[in-house]
């Protein structure tokens, strides 16, 4: 599922790249933006969970939460998936009566699905398709190095198209070096 915010973001920038992004999104259902989502955006900003200048991030969260989306998957460590922000976002959502959406990175979602695989043998058709695609993707690579090389090549291709990549968060080793 996506929202109008995703469509708006995907349609910006280089026209050819934007068209390609929109084609990828074309078959996904688009969530409605109920009035409660607008109110939740303001709550998130007022509480300092999301800064005013990052209103679209608050909109992603609010639209997903109000529509009872189970997971909001993002690489946005700055405002969405870092642990401190997640906790504050969840507190705000609970305080105004919403069950928070689980905010996670794609890797965390895959790990969550793998944990669920071990405990629940019933299969949702959407998850079944996700598992099939995940296995198909994994079968392409004989080692972690091959996967890494592939992802780096993809990153190079998308950077050439103007996509911006955030650096990974500091590791414990990086933090220890500063001390």
N, C-alpha and C. Protein backbone atom coordinates (compact mmCIF):
# COMPACT_ATOMS: atom_id res chain seq x y z
N UNK A 1 0.83 -1.17 0.00
CA UNK A 1 0.00 0.00 0.00
C UNK A 1 0.88 1.24 0.00
N UNK A 2 0.37 2.27 -0.62
CA UNK A 2 1.08 3.55 -0.65
C UNK A 2 0.07 4.65 -0.36
N UNK A 3 0.56 5.87 -0.28
CA UNK A 3 -0.31 7.02 -0.08
C UNK A 3 -0.01 8.06 -1.16
N UNK A 4 -0.82 9.10 -1.17
CA UNK A 4 -0.57 10.20 -2.10
C UNK A 4 0.78 10.85 -1.83
N UNK A 5 1.24 10.79 -0.58
CA UNK A 5 2.55 11.34 -0.23
C UNK A 5 3.63 10.58 -0.99
N UNK A 6 3.52 9.25 -1.02
CA UNK A 6 4.49 8.43 -1.76
C UNK A 6 4.43 8.76 -3.25
N UNK A 7 3.22 8.88 -3.79
CA UNK A 7 3.09 9.21 -5.21
C UNK A 7 3.71 10.57 -5.52
N UNK A 8 3.48 11.52 -4.63
CA UNK A 8 4.05 12.85 -4.82
C UNK A 8 5.57 12.80 -4.80
N UNK A 9 6.13 12.09 -3.82
CA UNK A 9 7.59 11.98 -3.73
C UNK A 9 8.16 11.25 -4.94
N UNK A 10 7.48 10.19 -5.37
CA UNK A 10 7.98 9.39 -6.50
C UNK A 10 7.93 10.15 -7.81
N UNK A 11 7.02 11.12 -7.92
CA UNK A 11 6.87 11.84 -9.18
C UNK A 11 7.83 13.02 -9.33
N UNK A 12 8.61 13.29 -8.31
CA UNK A 12 9.54 14.43 -8.35
C UNK A 12 10.89 14.04 -8.95
N UNK A 13 11.65 15.05 -9.31
CA UNK A 13 13.01 14.82 -9.82
C UNK A 13 13.03 14.54 -11.31
N UNK A 14 14.06 13.85 -11.73
CA UNK A 14 14.26 13.51 -13.13
C UNK A 14 13.00 12.86 -13.70
N UNK A 15 12.51 13.38 -14.82
CA UNK A 15 11.24 12.93 -15.39
C UNK A 15 11.25 11.45 -15.75
N UNK A 16 12.34 10.97 -16.32
CA UNK A 16 12.42 9.55 -16.71
C UNK A 16 12.44 8.67 -15.47
N UNK A 17 13.26 9.03 -14.49
CA UNK A 17 13.32 8.25 -13.24
C UNK A 17 11.98 8.29 -12.51
N UNK A 18 11.33 9.47 -12.52
CA UNK A 18 10.03 9.60 -11.87
C UNK A 18 9.01 8.69 -12.54
N UNK A 19 9.02 8.66 -13.86
CA UNK A 19 8.09 7.79 -14.59
C UNK A 19 8.34 6.32 -14.24
N UNK A 20 9.60 5.94 -14.14
CA UNK A 20 9.93 4.55 -13.78
C UNK A 20 9.44 4.23 -12.37
N UNK A 21 9.62 5.16 -11.45
CA UNK A 21 9.15 4.94 -10.07
C UNK A 21 7.63 4.80 -10.05
N UNK A 22 6.95 5.67 -10.78
CA UNK A 22 5.49 5.61 -10.80
C UNK A 22 4.98 4.32 -11.44
N UNK A 23 5.69 3.81 -12.44
CA UNK A 23 5.30 2.54 -13.05
C UNK A 23 5.41 1.40 -12.04
N UNK A 24 6.44 1.42 -11.22
CA UNK A 24 6.60 0.38 -10.19
C UNK A 24 5.45 0.45 -9.19
N UNK A 25 4.99 1.65 -8.89
CA UNK A 25 3.94 1.85 -7.89
C UNK A 25 2.52 1.69 -8.45
N UNK A 26 2.38 1.62 -9.76
CA UNK A 26 1.08 1.71 -10.41
C UNK A 26 0.04 0.71 -9.93
N UNK A 27 0.43 -0.48 -9.58
CA UNK A 27 -0.54 -1.51 -9.20
C UNK A 27 -0.81 -1.59 -7.70
N UNK A 28 -0.17 -0.73 -6.93
CA UNK A 28 -0.37 -0.76 -5.48
C UNK A 28 -1.59 0.06 -5.09
N UNK A 29 -2.35 -0.41 -4.11
CA UNK A 29 -3.50 0.38 -3.65
C UNK A 29 -3.03 1.64 -2.93
N UNK A 30 -3.80 2.72 -3.11
CA UNK A 30 -3.47 4.01 -2.50
C UNK A 30 -4.41 4.24 -1.32
N UNK A 31 -3.83 4.52 -0.16
CA UNK A 31 -4.62 4.74 1.05
C UNK A 31 -5.31 6.09 1.03
N UNK A 32 -6.49 6.13 1.61
CA UNK A 32 -7.22 7.37 1.78
C UNK A 32 -6.54 8.19 2.88
N UNK A 33 -6.79 9.49 2.87
CA UNK A 33 -6.25 10.37 3.91
C UNK A 33 -7.42 10.91 4.73
N UNK A 34 -7.81 10.18 5.78
CA UNK A 34 -8.92 10.66 6.60
C UNK A 34 -8.51 11.87 7.44
N UNK A 35 -9.49 12.62 7.89
CA UNK A 35 -9.24 13.82 8.69
C UNK A 35 -8.42 13.50 9.94
N UNK A 36 -8.63 12.31 10.52
CA UNK A 36 -7.87 11.92 11.71
C UNK A 36 -6.36 11.90 11.43
N UNK A 37 -5.99 11.61 10.19
CA UNK A 37 -4.57 11.58 9.85
C UNK A 37 -3.97 12.98 9.94
N UNK A 38 -4.72 13.98 9.52
CA UNK A 38 -4.23 15.36 9.58
C UNK A 38 -4.03 15.77 11.04
N UNK A 39 -4.98 15.39 11.89
CA UNK A 39 -4.86 15.68 13.32
C UNK A 39 -3.66 14.98 13.92
N UNK A 40 -3.44 13.71 13.55
CA UNK A 40 -2.30 12.96 14.07
C UNK A 40 -0.98 13.59 13.61
N UNK A 41 -0.94 14.10 12.38
CA UNK A 41 0.27 14.80 11.91
C UNK A 41 0.60 15.94 12.86
N UNK A 42 -0.41 16.74 13.20
CA UNK A 42 -0.19 17.88 14.09
C UNK A 42 0.26 17.41 15.47
N UNK A 43 -0.34 16.31 15.97
CA UNK A 43 0.08 15.77 17.27
C UNK A 43 1.54 15.34 17.25
N UNK A 44 1.95 14.67 16.18
CA UNK A 44 3.34 14.21 16.06
C UNK A 44 4.32 15.38 16.03
N UNK A 45 3.95 16.43 15.31
CA UNK A 45 4.81 17.61 15.21
C UNK A 45 4.83 18.38 16.54
N UNK A 46 3.64 18.58 17.12
CA UNK A 46 3.55 19.32 18.39
C UNK A 46 4.34 18.64 19.51
N UNK A 47 4.36 17.30 19.49
CA UNK A 47 5.08 16.55 20.53
C UNK A 47 6.58 16.47 20.27
N UNK A 48 7.01 16.96 19.11
CA UNK A 48 8.43 16.90 18.77
C UNK A 48 8.88 15.54 18.25
N UNK A 49 7.93 14.67 17.96
CA UNK A 49 8.28 13.35 17.42
C UNK A 49 8.83 13.48 16.00
N UNK A 50 8.28 14.43 15.26
CA UNK A 50 8.73 14.73 13.90
C UNK A 50 8.88 16.25 13.80
N UNK A 51 9.98 16.74 13.25
CA UNK A 51 10.14 18.20 13.13
C UNK A 51 9.19 18.78 12.07
N UNK A 52 8.83 20.01 12.27
CA UNK A 52 7.92 20.71 11.35
C UNK A 52 8.41 20.63 9.91
N UNK A 53 9.72 20.80 9.69
CA UNK A 53 10.24 20.80 8.32
C UNK A 53 10.19 19.42 7.67
N UNK A 54 9.82 18.41 8.43
CA UNK A 54 9.71 17.05 7.89
C UNK A 54 8.27 16.55 7.93
N UNK A 55 7.35 17.47 7.69
CA UNK A 55 5.92 17.16 7.71
C UNK A 55 5.56 15.93 6.86
N UNK A 56 6.14 15.75 5.66
CA UNK A 56 5.79 14.54 4.90
C UNK A 56 6.08 13.24 5.66
N UNK A 57 7.13 13.23 6.49
CA UNK A 57 7.41 12.03 7.29
C UNK A 57 6.27 11.79 8.28
N UNK A 58 5.79 12.86 8.91
CA UNK A 58 4.65 12.73 9.83
C UNK A 58 3.41 12.27 9.07
N UNK A 59 3.26 12.74 7.83
CA UNK A 59 2.11 12.32 7.03
C UNK A 59 2.18 10.84 6.69
N UNK A 60 3.36 10.34 6.34
CA UNK A 60 3.51 8.90 6.08
C UNK A 60 3.04 8.11 7.30
N UNK A 61 3.53 8.50 8.46
CA UNK A 61 3.22 7.78 9.70
C UNK A 61 1.74 7.87 10.02
N UNK A 62 1.18 9.07 9.95
CA UNK A 62 -0.22 9.27 10.31
C UNK A 62 -1.16 8.53 9.37
N UNK A 63 -0.91 8.60 8.08
CA UNK A 63 -1.78 7.91 7.12
C UNK A 63 -1.74 6.41 7.35
N UNK A 64 -0.56 5.86 7.57
CA UNK A 64 -0.44 4.42 7.83
C UNK A 64 -1.14 4.05 9.13
N UNK A 65 -0.93 4.85 10.17
CA UNK A 65 -1.51 4.54 11.48
C UNK A 65 -3.03 4.59 11.45
N UNK A 66 -3.58 5.67 10.92
CA UNK A 66 -5.03 5.84 10.89
C UNK A 66 -5.70 4.77 10.01
N UNK A 67 -5.00 4.31 8.99
CA UNK A 67 -5.54 3.26 8.12
C UNK A 67 -5.22 1.85 8.63
N UNK A 68 -4.68 1.75 9.85
CA UNK A 68 -4.36 0.46 10.47
C UNK A 68 -3.41 -0.39 9.64
N UNK A 69 -2.45 0.25 9.00
CA UNK A 69 -1.42 -0.48 8.25
C UNK A 69 -0.49 -1.12 9.28
N UNK A 70 -0.22 -2.40 9.12
CA UNK A 70 0.57 -3.11 10.12
C UNK A 70 2.03 -2.64 10.16
N UNK A 71 2.62 -2.41 8.98
CA UNK A 71 4.04 -2.02 8.91
C UNK A 71 4.20 -0.82 7.99
N UNK A 72 5.04 0.13 8.41
CA UNK A 72 5.50 1.21 7.55
C UNK A 72 6.99 0.98 7.38
N UNK A 73 7.39 0.64 6.17
CA UNK A 73 8.77 0.27 5.88
C UNK A 73 9.50 1.48 5.31
N UNK A 74 10.65 1.79 5.90
CA UNK A 74 11.38 2.99 5.49
C UNK A 74 12.87 2.82 5.76
N UNK A 75 13.67 3.54 4.99
CA UNK A 75 15.11 3.64 5.27
C UNK A 75 15.40 4.96 5.98
N UNK A 76 14.38 5.73 6.33
CA UNK A 76 14.57 7.05 6.92
C UNK A 76 14.93 6.93 8.40
N UNK A 77 16.24 6.81 8.67
CA UNK A 77 16.71 6.70 10.05
C UNK A 77 16.60 8.03 10.80
N UNK A 78 16.57 9.12 10.07
CA UNK A 78 16.58 10.42 10.73
C UNK A 78 15.26 10.70 11.45
N UNK A 79 14.12 10.40 10.81
CA UNK A 79 12.84 10.78 11.40
C UNK A 79 11.86 9.64 11.61
N UNK A 80 12.10 8.47 11.07
CA UNK A 80 11.07 7.43 11.16
C UNK A 80 11.55 6.18 11.89
N UNK A 81 12.64 5.57 11.47
CA UNK A 81 12.99 4.25 12.01
C UNK A 81 14.11 4.24 13.04
N UNK A 82 14.56 5.40 13.49
CA UNK A 82 15.54 5.33 14.59
C UNK A 82 14.78 5.08 15.90
N UNK A 83 15.41 4.38 16.79
CA UNK A 83 14.74 3.87 18.00
C UNK A 83 14.13 4.98 18.85
N UNK A 84 14.84 6.08 19.03
CA UNK A 84 14.33 7.18 19.84
C UNK A 84 13.06 7.76 19.23
N UNK A 85 13.09 8.01 17.93
CA UNK A 85 11.91 8.56 17.25
C UNK A 85 10.76 7.56 17.29
N UNK A 86 11.05 6.29 17.04
CA UNK A 86 9.98 5.27 17.06
C UNK A 86 9.25 5.28 18.39
N UNK A 87 10.01 5.32 19.48
CA UNK A 87 9.38 5.29 20.81
C UNK A 87 8.48 6.50 21.03
N UNK A 88 8.96 7.69 20.66
CA UNK A 88 8.16 8.90 20.83
C UNK A 88 6.94 8.88 19.91
N UNK A 89 7.11 8.44 18.68
CA UNK A 89 5.99 8.34 17.75
C UNK A 89 4.93 7.39 18.31
N UNK A 90 5.36 6.24 18.82
CA UNK A 90 4.41 5.28 19.40
C UNK A 90 3.68 5.87 20.60
N UNK A 91 4.40 6.61 21.45
CA UNK A 91 3.77 7.26 22.61
C UNK A 91 2.69 8.24 22.16
N UNK A 92 2.99 9.05 21.15
CA UNK A 92 2.01 10.03 20.66
C UNK A 92 0.79 9.31 20.10
N UNK A 93 1.01 8.29 19.29
CA UNK A 93 -0.11 7.55 18.70
C UNK A 93 -1.00 6.95 19.80
N UNK A 94 -0.38 6.31 20.79
CA UNK A 94 -1.15 5.74 21.91
C UNK A 94 -1.92 6.82 22.65
N UNK A 95 -1.27 7.96 22.90
CA UNK A 95 -1.88 9.03 23.68
C UNK A 95 -3.15 9.58 23.03
N UNK A 96 -3.20 9.54 21.70
CA UNK A 96 -4.39 10.06 21.02
C UNK A 96 -5.32 8.95 20.54
N UNK A 97 -5.08 7.73 21.03
CA UNK A 97 -6.03 6.65 20.81
C UNK A 97 -5.80 5.75 19.62
N UNK A 98 -4.62 5.77 19.04
CA UNK A 98 -4.34 4.91 17.89
C UNK A 98 -3.35 3.82 18.26
N UNK A 99 -3.54 2.65 17.66
CA UNK A 99 -2.54 1.59 17.74
C UNK A 99 -1.46 1.97 16.73
N UNK A 100 -0.23 2.18 17.19
CA UNK A 100 0.81 2.63 16.25
C UNK A 100 1.12 1.58 15.19
N UNK A 101 1.44 2.06 14.02
CA UNK A 101 1.97 1.22 12.95
C UNK A 101 3.38 0.81 13.35
N UNK A 102 3.76 -0.40 13.03
CA UNK A 102 5.14 -0.82 13.29
C UNK A 102 6.05 -0.15 12.27
N UNK A 103 6.96 0.67 12.75
CA UNK A 103 7.91 1.39 11.90
C UNK A 103 9.18 0.56 11.83
N UNK A 104 9.61 0.21 10.62
CA UNK A 104 10.77 -0.66 10.50
C UNK A 104 11.48 -0.47 9.16
N UNK A 105 12.70 -0.94 9.12
CA UNK A 105 13.45 -0.97 7.87
C UNK A 105 13.05 -2.23 7.10
N UNK A 106 13.36 -2.29 5.81
CA UNK A 106 13.08 -3.53 5.06
C UNK A 106 13.73 -4.75 5.70
N UNK A 107 14.94 -4.60 6.20
CA UNK A 107 15.63 -5.73 6.83
C UNK A 107 14.89 -6.18 8.08
N UNK A 108 14.44 -5.23 8.90
CA UNK A 108 13.69 -5.59 10.10
C UNK A 108 12.39 -6.30 9.75
N UNK A 109 11.73 -5.87 8.67
CA UNK A 109 10.50 -6.53 8.25
C UNK A 109 10.78 -7.97 7.84
N UNK A 110 11.83 -8.18 7.08
CA UNK A 110 12.19 -9.54 6.65
C UNK A 110 12.47 -10.40 7.88
N UNK A 111 13.20 -9.87 8.84
CA UNK A 111 13.49 -10.62 10.06
C UNK A 111 12.20 -10.94 10.81
N UNK A 112 11.28 -9.99 10.88
CA UNK A 112 9.99 -10.20 11.54
C UNK A 112 9.21 -11.31 10.84
N UNK A 113 9.20 -11.29 9.53
CA UNK A 113 8.50 -12.32 8.77
C UNK A 113 9.13 -13.68 9.02
N UNK A 114 10.44 -13.73 9.07
CA UNK A 114 11.12 -15.01 9.33
C UNK A 114 10.76 -15.55 10.70
N UNK A 115 10.64 -14.68 11.70
CA UNK A 115 10.24 -15.12 13.03
C UNK A 115 8.81 -15.66 12.97
N UNK A 116 7.93 -14.95 12.27
CA UNK A 116 6.54 -15.41 12.15
C UNK A 116 6.47 -16.74 11.41
N UNK A 117 7.34 -16.95 10.44
CA UNK A 117 7.34 -18.21 9.69
C UNK A 117 7.53 -19.39 10.63
N UNK A 118 8.35 -19.21 11.63
CA UNK A 118 8.67 -20.31 12.54
C UNK A 118 7.52 -20.63 13.48
N UNK A 119 6.65 -19.66 13.75
CA UNK A 119 5.62 -19.86 14.76
C UNK A 119 4.23 -20.06 14.19
N UNK A 120 3.98 -19.64 12.99
CA UNK A 120 2.63 -19.69 12.44
C UNK A 120 2.68 -20.35 11.07
N UNK A 121 2.07 -21.52 10.98
CA UNK A 121 2.12 -22.24 9.71
C UNK A 121 1.01 -21.81 8.76
N UNK A 122 0.00 -21.07 9.25
CA UNK A 122 -1.03 -20.57 8.35
C UNK A 122 -0.41 -19.53 7.43
N UNK A 123 -0.88 -19.48 6.19
CA UNK A 123 -0.22 -18.62 5.21
C UNK A 123 -1.21 -17.61 4.62
N UNK A 124 -0.93 -16.35 4.84
CA UNK A 124 -1.67 -15.28 4.20
C UNK A 124 -1.20 -15.22 2.74
N UNK A 125 -2.11 -15.05 1.77
CA UNK A 125 -1.70 -15.04 0.36
C UNK A 125 -0.68 -13.95 0.03
N UNK A 126 -0.80 -12.80 0.65
CA UNK A 126 0.15 -11.72 0.39
C UNK A 126 1.52 -12.10 0.93
N UNK A 127 1.56 -12.64 2.15
CA UNK A 127 2.84 -13.07 2.71
C UNK A 127 3.43 -14.22 1.90
N UNK A 128 2.56 -15.11 1.44
CA UNK A 128 3.04 -16.22 0.62
C UNK A 128 3.76 -15.70 -0.62
N UNK A 129 3.18 -14.68 -1.25
CA UNK A 129 3.81 -14.08 -2.42
C UNK A 129 5.13 -13.40 -2.03
N UNK A 130 5.14 -12.73 -0.88
CA UNK A 130 6.39 -12.10 -0.40
C UNK A 130 7.47 -13.15 -0.18
N UNK A 131 7.10 -14.28 0.43
CA UNK A 131 8.07 -15.35 0.66
C UNK A 131 8.61 -15.87 -0.66
N UNK A 132 7.71 -16.07 -1.61
CA UNK A 132 8.12 -16.60 -2.91
C UNK A 132 9.11 -15.64 -3.57
N UNK A 133 8.80 -14.35 -3.56
CA UNK A 133 9.68 -13.35 -4.17
C UNK A 133 11.02 -13.28 -3.44
N UNK A 134 10.97 -13.37 -2.10
CA UNK A 134 12.19 -13.33 -1.31
C UNK A 134 13.09 -14.52 -1.65
N UNK A 135 12.50 -15.71 -1.73
CA UNK A 135 13.27 -16.91 -2.06
C UNK A 135 13.83 -16.83 -3.48
N UNK A 136 13.02 -16.32 -4.40
CA UNK A 136 13.47 -16.17 -5.79
C UNK A 136 14.66 -15.21 -5.86
N UNK A 137 14.56 -14.11 -5.13
CA UNK A 137 15.65 -13.13 -5.11
C UNK A 137 16.90 -13.75 -4.49
N UNK A 138 16.74 -14.44 -3.35
CA UNK A 138 17.89 -15.03 -2.65
C UNK A 138 18.58 -16.10 -3.50
N UNK A 139 17.81 -16.81 -4.31
CA UNK A 139 18.37 -17.89 -5.13
C UNK A 139 19.34 -17.37 -6.19
N UNK A 140 19.29 -16.09 -6.48
CA UNK A 140 20.18 -15.51 -7.49
C UNK A 140 21.63 -15.42 -7.02
N UNK A 141 21.85 -15.53 -5.71
CA UNK A 141 23.17 -15.26 -5.16
C UNK A 141 23.71 -16.48 -4.42
N UNK A 142 24.97 -16.79 -4.69
CA UNK A 142 25.61 -17.95 -4.05
C UNK A 142 26.28 -17.58 -2.73
N UNK A 143 26.46 -16.29 -2.49
CA UNK A 143 27.13 -15.87 -1.26
C UNK A 143 26.66 -14.46 -0.87
N UNK A 144 26.97 -14.11 0.35
CA UNK A 144 26.66 -12.75 0.82
C UNK A 144 27.44 -11.73 0.01
N UNK A 145 28.65 -12.09 -0.40
CA UNK A 145 29.47 -11.17 -1.20
C UNK A 145 28.80 -10.89 -2.54
N UNK A 146 28.25 -11.93 -3.18
CA UNK A 146 27.54 -11.72 -4.46
C UNK A 146 26.36 -10.79 -4.26
N UNK A 147 25.60 -10.98 -3.19
CA UNK A 147 24.47 -10.11 -2.91
C UNK A 147 24.96 -8.69 -2.67
N UNK A 148 26.01 -8.53 -1.89
CA UNK A 148 26.58 -7.22 -1.62
C UNK A 148 27.01 -6.53 -2.92
N UNK A 149 27.71 -7.27 -3.77
CA UNK A 149 28.17 -6.71 -5.05
C UNK A 149 26.99 -6.27 -5.91
N UNK A 150 25.94 -7.09 -5.92
CA UNK A 150 24.73 -6.76 -6.69
C UNK A 150 24.11 -5.47 -6.14
N UNK A 151 23.96 -5.40 -4.82
CA UNK A 151 23.33 -4.22 -4.22
C UNK A 151 24.17 -2.96 -4.45
N UNK A 152 25.48 -3.09 -4.41
CA UNK A 152 26.35 -1.94 -4.69
C UNK A 152 26.20 -1.49 -6.15
N UNK A 153 26.07 -2.44 -7.08
CA UNK A 153 25.87 -2.10 -8.49
C UNK A 153 24.52 -1.39 -8.67
N UNK A 154 23.50 -1.88 -7.98
CA UNK A 154 22.18 -1.24 -8.04
C UNK A 154 22.27 0.18 -7.46
N UNK A 155 22.98 0.31 -6.35
CA UNK A 155 23.14 1.62 -5.73
C UNK A 155 23.82 2.59 -6.70
N UNK A 156 24.86 2.12 -7.37
CA UNK A 156 25.58 2.96 -8.34
C UNK A 156 24.63 3.41 -9.45
N UNK A 157 23.82 2.48 -9.94
CA UNK A 157 22.86 2.79 -11.00
C UNK A 157 21.86 3.85 -10.53
N UNK A 158 21.30 3.67 -9.33
CA UNK A 158 20.30 4.61 -8.84
C UNK A 158 20.92 5.96 -8.47
N UNK A 159 22.15 5.95 -7.97
CA UNK A 159 22.83 7.22 -7.70
C UNK A 159 23.02 8.01 -8.99
N UNK A 160 23.34 7.30 -10.08
CA UNK A 160 23.50 7.96 -11.38
C UNK A 160 22.19 8.60 -11.84
N UNK A 161 21.07 8.05 -11.38
CA UNK A 161 19.76 8.61 -11.71
C UNK A 161 19.36 9.73 -10.76
N UNK A 162 20.22 10.01 -9.77
CA UNK A 162 19.95 11.11 -8.86
C UNK A 162 19.39 10.71 -7.51
N UNK A 163 19.25 9.42 -7.25
CA UNK A 163 18.75 8.98 -5.95
C UNK A 163 19.80 9.30 -4.89
N UNK A 164 19.36 9.77 -3.74
CA UNK A 164 20.24 10.11 -2.63
C UNK A 164 20.22 8.96 -1.62
N UNK A 165 21.39 8.62 -1.10
CA UNK A 165 21.51 7.56 -0.11
C UNK A 165 22.04 8.13 1.19
N UNK A 166 21.40 7.75 2.28
CA UNK A 166 21.88 8.16 3.60
C UNK A 166 23.01 7.24 4.02
N UNK A 167 23.99 7.76 4.72
CA UNK A 167 25.03 6.87 5.23
C UNK A 167 24.42 5.98 6.32
N UNK A 168 24.99 4.80 6.52
CA UNK A 168 24.46 3.95 7.58
C UNK A 168 24.68 4.60 8.94
N UNK A 169 23.85 4.24 9.92
CA UNK A 169 24.06 4.80 11.26
C UNK A 169 25.39 4.33 11.81
N UNK A 170 25.96 5.08 12.73
CA UNK A 170 27.26 4.67 13.29
C UNK A 170 27.15 3.32 13.99
N UNK A 171 28.20 2.54 13.88
CA UNK A 171 28.25 1.26 14.57
C UNK A 171 28.84 1.47 15.95
N UNK A 172 28.75 0.47 16.79
CA UNK A 172 29.36 0.58 18.12
C UNK A 172 30.86 0.81 18.00
N UNK A 173 31.49 0.18 17.02
CA UNK A 173 32.93 0.37 16.82
C UNK A 173 33.24 1.82 16.49
N UNK A 174 32.39 2.44 15.64
CA UNK A 174 32.59 3.85 15.30
C UNK A 174 32.47 4.73 16.54
N UNK A 175 31.48 4.42 17.38
CA UNK A 175 31.26 5.22 18.58
C UNK A 175 32.41 5.03 19.57
N UNK A 176 32.94 3.80 19.67
CA UNK A 176 34.06 3.55 20.58
C UNK A 176 35.31 4.30 20.14
N UNK A 177 35.50 4.46 18.83
CA UNK A 177 36.66 5.17 18.31
C UNK A 177 36.64 6.64 18.72
N UNK A 178 35.41 7.21 18.85
CA UNK A 178 35.27 8.61 19.23
C UNK A 178 35.60 8.83 20.70
N UNK A 179 35.39 7.80 21.51
CA UNK A 179 35.59 7.93 22.96
C UNK A 179 37.04 8.01 23.35
